C-alpha cells in the first residue's frame, strides 16, 4: 500500500506541474492578444483537481513514510509556485524520503 500511495504521489506531483504549464499557457492566451479564455476554462479545473489531489497525497505519504512536520509543510507549500512539486519530488527521492527501507537479510549468519 505504501508503494502504491507513493507512486500516486509522484504521478500527482508531475501532473500538477504539467497542469501548471497548461494553466500558464491558457492565462497567456487569455490576457494576450488573442483574448481567448478556452485555455483557462480547460486547465483551470484540471489544475484545481490536481492541486487538491497532490495535497491529499502529500498528507497520506507524509503519514505513511513518517515525514517530519516541516517536510510535509514544505511539500504542501510547493503546490503553490509553478513547477515546485517537481523540485520537491526530486529532492525527496534523493533524500530517500520516497523509498522503502531495505529488508533485513534473511540468510545472515547469527552473531555470537
Protein backbone atom coordinates (compact mmCIF):
# COMPACT_ATOMS: atom_id res chain seq x y z
CA UNK A 1 0.00 0.00 0.00
CA UNK A 2 2.85 2.42 0.85
CA UNK A 3 4.42 1.90 -2.56
CA UNK A 4 1.14 2.45 -4.36
CA UNK A 5 0.38 5.69 -2.49
CA UNK A 6 3.96 6.86 -3.07
CA UNK A 7 3.67 6.17 -6.81
CA UNK A 8 0.39 8.10 -6.90
CA UNK A 9 2.14 10.98 -5.11
CA UNK A 10 4.90 11.07 -7.73
CA UNK A 11 2.35 10.97 -10.56
CA UNK A 12 0.34 13.75 -8.90
CA UNK A 13 3.48 15.90 -8.46
CA UNK A 14 4.32 15.56 -12.16
CA UNK A 15 0.72 16.02 -13.31
CA UNK A 16 0.28 19.09 -11.10
CA UNK A 17 3.36 20.68 -12.69
CA UNK A 18 2.12 19.87 -16.20
CA UNK A 19 -1.28 21.35 -15.37
CA UNK A 20 0.53 24.49 -14.17
CA UNK A 21 2.15 24.76 -17.60
CA UNK A 22 -1.23 24.39 -19.28
CA UNK A 23 -2.83 26.94 -16.99
CA UNK A 24 0.00 29.44 -17.52
CA UNK A 25 -0.28 29.00 -21.29
CA UNK A 26 -4.05 29.46 -21.03
CA UNK A 27 -3.56 32.64 -18.99
CA UNK A 28 -1.08 33.97 -21.55
CA UNK A 29 -3.63 33.44 -24.30
CA UNK A 30 -6.45 34.87 -22.21
CA UNK A 31 -4.64 38.09 -21.33
CA UNK A 32 -2.59 38.28 -24.54
CA UNK A 33 -3.62 39.47 -27.97
CA UNK A 34 -5.97 36.59 -28.83
CA UNK A 35 -8.04 37.18 -25.65
CA UNK A 36 -9.38 33.62 -25.68
CA UNK A 37 -10.48 32.10 -22.34
CA UNK A 38 -10.66 28.48 -23.53
CA UNK A 39 -7.26 27.51 -22.08
CA UNK A 40 -8.16 28.80 -18.63
CA UNK A 41 -11.59 27.17 -18.81
CA UNK A 42 -9.99 23.82 -19.63
CA UNK A 43 -6.84 23.87 -17.50
CA UNK A 44 -8.27 25.76 -14.52
CA UNK A 45 -10.46 22.92 -13.23
CA UNK A 46 -7.86 20.30 -14.15
CA UNK A 47 -5.18 22.16 -12.24
CA UNK A 48 -7.53 22.70 -9.30
CA UNK A 49 -8.33 18.99 -9.05
CA UNK A 50 -4.66 18.02 -9.32
CA UNK A 51 -3.73 20.65 -6.73
CA UNK A 52 -6.17 19.09 -4.26
CA UNK A 53 -5.08 15.53 -5.16
CA UNK A 54 -1.43 16.46 -4.61
CA UNK A 55 -2.26 17.97 -1.21
CA UNK A 56 -4.16 14.88 -0.10
CA UNK A 57 -1.37 12.60 -1.32
CA UNK A 58 1.25 14.70 0.49
CA UNK A 59 -0.63 14.13 3.72
CA UNK A 60 -1.00 10.40 3.02
CA UNK A 61 2.65 9.88 2.09
CA UNK A 62 3.84 12.03 4.98
CA UNK A 63 1.94 9.82 7.39
CA UNK A 64 2.87 6.51 5.77
CA UNK A 65 6.54 7.43 5.41
CA UNK A 66 6.69 9.28 8.75
CA UNK A 67 7.94 12.56 7.38
CA UNK A 68 8.76 15.35 9.79
CA UNK A 69 6.11 18.06 10.02
CA UNK A 70 8.45 20.55 8.36
CA UNK A 71 8.97 18.23 5.37
CA UNK A 72 5.22 17.77 4.93
CA UNK A 73 4.70 21.53 5.23
CA UNK A 74 7.31 22.25 2.58
CA UNK A 75 5.72 19.64 0.29
CA UNK A 76 2.33 21.33 0.70
CA UNK A 77 3.74 24.81 0.07
CA UNK A 78 5.42 23.51 -3.08
CA UNK A 79 1.98 23.12 -4.67
CA UNK A 80 1.65 26.90 -4.90
CA UNK A 81 4.60 28.07 -7.05
CA UNK A 82 4.65 26.71 -10.60
CA UNK A 83 6.69 23.52 -11.05
CA UNK A 84 7.85 23.37 -7.41
CA UNK A 85 6.21 19.97 -6.96
CA UNK A 86 8.77 18.56 -9.40
CA UNK A 87 11.62 20.09 -7.42
CA UNK A 88 10.25 18.70 -4.15
CA UNK A 89 9.68 15.23 -5.60
CA UNK A 90 13.26 15.04 -6.90
CA UNK A 91 14.63 16.35 -3.59
CA UNK A 92 12.57 13.83 -1.60
CA UNK A 93 13.69 10.98 -3.86
CA UNK A 94 17.38 11.93 -3.47
CA UNK A 95 16.96 12.09 0.32
CA UNK A 96 15.33 8.64 0.41
CA UNK A 97 12.00 10.00 1.64
CA UNK A 98 10.10 8.08 -1.03
CA UNK A 99 11.95 4.76 -0.80
CA UNK A 100 11.21 1.80 1.43
CA UNK A 101 13.84 0.82 3.94
CA UNK A 102 15.77 -2.25 2.76
CA UNK A 103 14.55 -5.50 4.24
CA UNK A 104 16.95 -7.25 6.63
CA UNK A 105 18.91 -10.13 5.12
CA UNK A 106 17.29 -13.47 5.93
CA UNK A 107 20.23 -15.76 5.47
CA UNK A 108 22.71 -13.81 7.56
CA UNK A 109 24.73 -15.91 9.96
CA UNK A 110 23.76 -15.48 13.62
CA UNK A 111 26.13 -13.33 15.63
CA UNK A 112 27.55 -14.69 18.81
